[in-house]
Amino acid sequence: MSEYYELSDEENIPYRCDVEMELIDEAPQIERPWLLWLFVKSENPLDGSFTGFTDDLKQTLHEAMDALFAGSVTKEGWVELYFYASEAKRFENISSEVMARHGGFAHERGVSKDTKWEMYLERLYPDAYALLRIQNRHTIEALAEAGDDLSIEREVEHYLFFQTRSSMERAVASLSAHGFALKEEVSDDESDHAYGAVVVKTESVLPEQVEETTALLFDAALEQHGYYEGWSTVLAV
């Protein structure tokens, strides 16, 4: 399953990262120690002709070299494509053949040993905040597809879980200063985080607002060694 998220680097330059999420279950794969990378110049990486090229590249490298696509980074007019394979000798020839089929591209490429899959685990796979953004995007997209007017303020429920009741109570108390109210307590006796709180606040679910709110809740839960599970709301039209 492929996912994407958007962030900014240390110089505040925005970029998009696409990643094959299911690889995390088997990373690193010792039988694929080689990192293959191809940087391609593209002003419109979501255009059909370019996605046709990337699909062709992924399929051809998989069939010819049993290479796995790990992910890509799109930044400042370049798309960085990353693969893992058991060997690297034929990468230059195969990638050249695929690019030629699609008219050619300005590009850079290379190979390196990455037995620990550090590129995938440390640069491509989303951290906790990026995972939260992905989750938020899915919920917002589902609401929008159902006809929701995201700008309408409504009660939004948020779910947090903690290891102890006192941790939960401290988190809820800190969140009250930001306008959140405790709706109910829940329990999960089969989890190490058995003490749950449902907190509510009335606001819109526009992407910018959701990002600000969920980041605040994520940090509040983390401060008390808990975790933030997500949010839900009613449809507003």
Protein backbone atom coordinates (compact mmCIF):
# COMPACT_ATOMS: atom_id res chain seq x y z
CA MET A 1 0.00 0.00 0.00
CA SER A 2 1.40 3.35 -1.03
CA GLU A 3 0.86 6.48 1.07
CA TYR A 4 2.10 10.03 0.86
CA TYR A 5 2.68 12.89 3.25
CA GLU A 6 3.92 16.46 2.93
CA LEU A 7 6.46 18.21 5.13
CA SER A 8 9.07 20.98 5.06
CA ASP A 9 12.80 20.47 5.51
CA GLU A 10 15.20 22.32 7.81
CA GLU A 11 15.26 25.25 5.35
CA ASN A 12 11.44 25.36 5.27
CA ILE A 13 11.34 24.01 1.69
CA PRO A 14 8.19 21.90 1.19
CA TYR A 15 8.43 18.38 -0.17
CA ARG A 16 6.24 15.34 -0.72
CA CYS A 17 7.20 11.81 0.25
CA ASP A 18 5.51 8.73 -1.22
CA VAL A 19 6.29 5.47 0.55
CA GLU A 20 5.43 1.79 0.32
CA MET A 21 4.06 1.26 3.82
CA GLU A 22 3.91 -2.55 3.89
CA LEU A 23 7.69 -2.88 3.59
CA ILE A 24 8.01 -1.86 7.23
CA ASP A 25 6.94 -5.37 8.30
CA GLU A 26 10.04 -6.96 6.71
CA ALA A 27 12.59 -4.14 6.79
CA PRO A 28 15.47 -4.55 6.42
CA GLN A 29 15.49 -7.42 3.91
CA ILE A 30 18.96 -8.95 4.02
CA GLU A 31 18.49 -10.42 0.56
CA ARG A 32 18.12 -6.91 -0.89
CA PRO A 33 21.09 -4.92 0.45
CA TRP A 34 21.50 -2.58 -2.54
CA LEU A 35 19.86 0.85 -2.66
CA LEU A 36 19.20 2.02 -6.22
CA TRP A 37 18.30 5.64 -6.75
CA LEU A 38 17.21 7.64 -9.77
CA PHE A 39 16.62 11.39 -9.58
CA VAL A 40 14.47 12.64 -12.46
CA LYS A 41 13.66 16.22 -13.42
CA SER A 42 9.90 16.78 -13.64
CA GLU A 43 7.86 19.95 -13.38
CA ASN A 44 4.61 17.99 -13.06
CA PRO A 45 5.23 14.66 -11.31
CA LEU A 46 1.49 13.93 -10.96
CA ASP A 47 0.92 14.22 -14.71
CA GLY A 48 -0.28 11.06 -16.39
CA SER A 49 2.71 10.78 -18.70
CA PHE A 50 5.16 10.94 -15.81
CA THR A 51 3.23 8.49 -13.64
CA GLY A 52 3.19 6.19 -16.66
CA PHE A 53 6.98 6.36 -16.70
CA THR A 54 7.31 5.65 -12.96
CA ASP A 55 4.88 2.72 -13.19
CA ASP A 56 6.91 1.31 -16.09
CA LEU A 57 10.14 1.76 -14.14
CA LYS A 58 8.79 0.00 -11.04
CA GLN A 59 7.45 -2.92 -13.04
CA THR A 60 10.53 -3.31 -15.24
CA LEU A 61 12.98 -3.21 -12.34
CA HIS A 62 10.89 -5.70 -10.41
CA GLU A 63 10.68 -8.12 -13.35
CA ALA A 64 14.31 -7.77 -14.42
CA MET A 65 16.05 -7.44 -11.04
CA ASP A 66 13.42 -8.40 -8.45
CA ALA A 67 13.84 -4.83 -7.17
CA LEU A 68 11.31 -3.35 -4.75
CA PHE A 69 10.15 0.25 -4.93
CA ALA A 70 10.61 1.78 -1.49
CA GLY A 71 9.42 5.33 -2.04
CA SER A 72 10.09 8.72 -3.58
CA VAL A 73 10.74 12.30 -2.56
CA THR A 74 9.40 15.15 -4.71
CA LYS A 75 11.14 18.44 -4.13
CA GLU A 76 11.97 21.57 -6.13
CA GLY A 77 11.18 20.06 -9.54
CA TRP A 78 12.95 16.74 -8.96
CA VAL A 79 11.57 13.32 -8.12
CA GLU A 80 13.92 11.03 -6.20
CA LEU A 81 13.01 7.37 -6.77
CA TYR A 82 14.41 4.69 -4.45
CA PHE A 83 14.53 0.91 -4.87
CA TYR A 84 16.08 -2.03 -3.01
CA ALA A 85 17.55 -4.99 -4.91
CA SER A 86 19.77 -8.03 -4.48
CA GLU A 87 22.33 -6.68 -6.99
CA ALA A 88 23.01 -3.41 -8.79
CA LYS A 89 24.98 -4.23 -11.94
CA ARG A 90 22.15 -3.86 -14.47
CA PHE A 91 20.44 -0.84 -12.92
CA GLU A 92 22.05 1.73 -15.20
CA ASN A 93 21.18 -0.09 -18.43
CA ILE A 94 17.64 -1.00 -17.40
CA SER A 95 16.76 2.47 -16.10
CA SER A 96 18.19 4.02 -19.28
CA GLU A 97 16.03 1.75 -21.42
CA VAL A 98 12.89 2.70 -19.50
CA MET A 99 13.62 6.44 -19.68
CA ALA A 100 14.24 6.14 -23.43
CA ARG A 101 10.80 4.57 -23.89
CA HIS A 102 9.28 7.71 -22.39
CA GLY A 103 11.27 10.33 -24.27
CA GLY A 104 14.21 10.72 -21.91
CA PHE A 105 14.71 12.85 -18.81
CA ALA A 106 17.34 14.98 -17.19
CA HIS A 107 18.51 12.70 -14.42
CA GLU A 108 21.07 11.57 -11.87
CA ARG A 109 21.43 8.05 -10.53
CA GLY A 110 23.55 5.85 -8.35
CA VAL A 111 23.76 2.76 -6.17
CA SER A 112 25.04 2.11 -2.68
CA LYS A 113 25.01 -0.61 -0.05
CA ASP A 114 22.28 0.00 2.51
CA THR A 115 22.04 -3.30 4.37
CA LYS A 116 20.16 -1.69 7.27
CA TRP A 117 17.67 0.02 4.94
CA GLU A 118 18.43 3.34 6.56
CA MET A 119 17.02 5.30 3.62
CA TYR A 120 13.66 3.60 4.00
CA LEU A 121 13.50 3.50 7.78
CA GLU A 122 14.95 6.94 8.54
CA ARG A 123 14.01 9.10 5.55
CA LEU A 124 11.06 7.59 3.71
CA TYR A 125 8.89 5.91 6.31
CA PRO A 126 6.72 8.49 8.12
CA ASP A 127 7.47 9.42 11.70
CA ALA A 128 4.68 9.70 14.27
CA TYR A 129 3.69 13.22 13.20
CA ALA A 130 3.59 12.29 9.52
CA LEU A 131 1.48 9.23 10.34
CA LEU A 132 -0.90 11.57 12.15
CA ARG A 133 -1.11 13.78 9.04
CA ILE A 134 -1.91 10.75 6.89
CA GLN A 135 -4.65 9.68 9.29
CA ASN A 136 -6.09 13.21 9.35
CA ARG A 137 -6.10 13.40 5.56
CA HIS A 138 -8.03 10.14 5.23
CA THR A 139 -10.70 11.30 7.69
CA ILE A 140 -11.07 14.71 6.05
CA GLU A 141 -11.27 13.16 2.58
CA ALA A 142 -14.01 10.79 3.75
CA LEU A 143 -16.01 13.71 5.16
CA ALA A 144 -15.54 15.77 2.00
CA GLU A 145 -16.62 12.88 -0.21
CA ALA A 146 -19.80 12.58 1.87
CA GLY A 147 -20.61 16.24 1.19
CA ASP A 148 -19.38 17.74 4.45
CA ASP A 149 -18.84 21.49 4.65
CA LEU A 150 -15.50 21.37 6.46
CA SER A 151 -15.74 25.03 7.49
CA ILE A 152 -18.83 24.49 9.67
CA GLU A 153 -17.97 24.29 13.35
CA ARG A 154 -19.24 21.21 15.14
CA GLU A 155 -18.34 19.03 18.13
CA VAL A 156 -15.25 16.94 17.39
CA GLU A 157 -14.37 13.95 19.55
CA HIS A 158 -10.74 13.01 20.26
CA TYR A 159 -9.49 9.78 21.81
CA LEU A 160 -6.48 9.52 24.13
CA PHE A 161 -5.15 6.55 26.14
CA PHE A 162 -2.79 6.34 29.11
CA GLN A 163 -1.10 3.81 31.36
CA THR A 164 -2.47 5.26 34.60
CA ARG A 165 -5.53 7.18 35.69
CA SER A 166 -3.40 9.97 37.13
CA SER A 167 -1.67 10.44 33.76
CA MET A 168 -5.04 10.67 32.06
CA GLU A 169 -6.31 13.19 34.59
CA ARG A 170 -3.23 15.39 34.20
CA ALA A 171 -3.57 15.38 30.41
CA VAL A 172 -7.28 16.24 30.54
CA ALA A 173 -6.58 19.05 32.99
CA SER A 174 -3.89 20.52 30.73
CA LEU A 175 -6.19 20.34 27.71
CA SER A 176 -9.01 22.16 29.47
CA ALA A 177 -6.93 25.34 29.18
CA HIS A 178 -7.18 24.94 25.38
CA GLY A 179 -10.96 24.60 25.34
CA PHE A 180 -11.29 20.81 25.48
CA ALA A 181 -13.88 19.20 27.75
CA LEU A 182 -13.96 15.63 29.02
CA LYS A 183 -16.96 13.84 27.50
CA GLU A 184 -16.38 10.40 28.98
CA GLU A 185 -13.82 7.94 30.24
CA VAL A 186 -13.30 4.59 28.52
CA SER A 187 -11.22 1.55 29.39
CA ASP A 188 -9.28 -1.10 27.50
CA ASP A 189 -8.34 -3.82 29.98
CA GLU A 190 -6.38 -5.76 27.34
CA SER A 191 -3.99 -2.86 26.66
CA ASP A 192 -1.06 -1.44 28.60
CA HIS A 193 -2.80 1.91 28.05
CA ALA A 194 -6.02 0.95 29.77
CA TYR A 195 -7.24 4.43 30.75
CA GLY A 196 -8.92 6.32 27.94
CA ALA A 197 -10.45 9.76 27.68
CA VAL A 198 -12.80 11.17 25.08
CA VAL A 199 -12.38 14.93 24.94
CA VAL A 200 -14.46 17.27 22.80
CA LYS A 201 -14.16 20.72 21.32
CA THR A 202 -16.34 22.68 18.91
CA GLU A 203 -14.44 23.79 15.82
CA SER A 204 -14.17 23.34 12.07
CA VAL A 205 -12.43 20.41 10.43
CA LEU A 206 -10.55 22.40 7.84
CA PRO A 207 -7.12 20.79 7.25
CA GLU A 208 -5.16 23.63 8.87
CA GLN A 209 -7.35 23.55 11.99
CA VAL A 210 -7.21 19.76 12.25
CA GLU A 211 -3.43 19.76 11.94
CA GLU A 212 -3.05 22.33 14.70
CA THR A 213 -5.51 20.59 17.02
CA THR A 214 -4.24 17.05 16.58
CA ALA A 215 -0.61 18.09 17.03
CA LEU A 216 -1.56 19.72 20.33
CA LEU A 217 -3.38 16.58 21.48
CA PHE A 218 -0.59 14.29 20.30
CA ASP A 219 1.97 16.25 22.34
CA ALA A 220 -0.30 16.40 25.41
CA ALA A 221 -0.72 12.62 25.37
CA LEU A 222 2.98 12.03 24.77
CA GLU A 223 3.91 14.26 27.69
CA GLN A 224 2.03 11.86 29.97
CA HIS A 225 3.46 8.75 28.24
CA GLY A 226 0.15 8.10 26.53
CA TYR A 227 -0.95 8.15 22.93
CA TYR A 228 -3.48 9.96 20.77
CA GLU A 229 -5.64 7.57 18.75
CA GLY A 230 -7.51 9.97 16.47
CA TRP A 231 -10.77 11.83 16.09
CA SER A 232 -14.30 11.64 14.71
CA THR A 233 -17.23 13.94 14.18
CA VAL A 234 -20.72 14.20 12.73
CA LEU A 235 -21.37 15.19 9.12
CA ALA A 236 -22.07 18.91 8.66
CA VAL A 237 -23.71 20.16 5.47
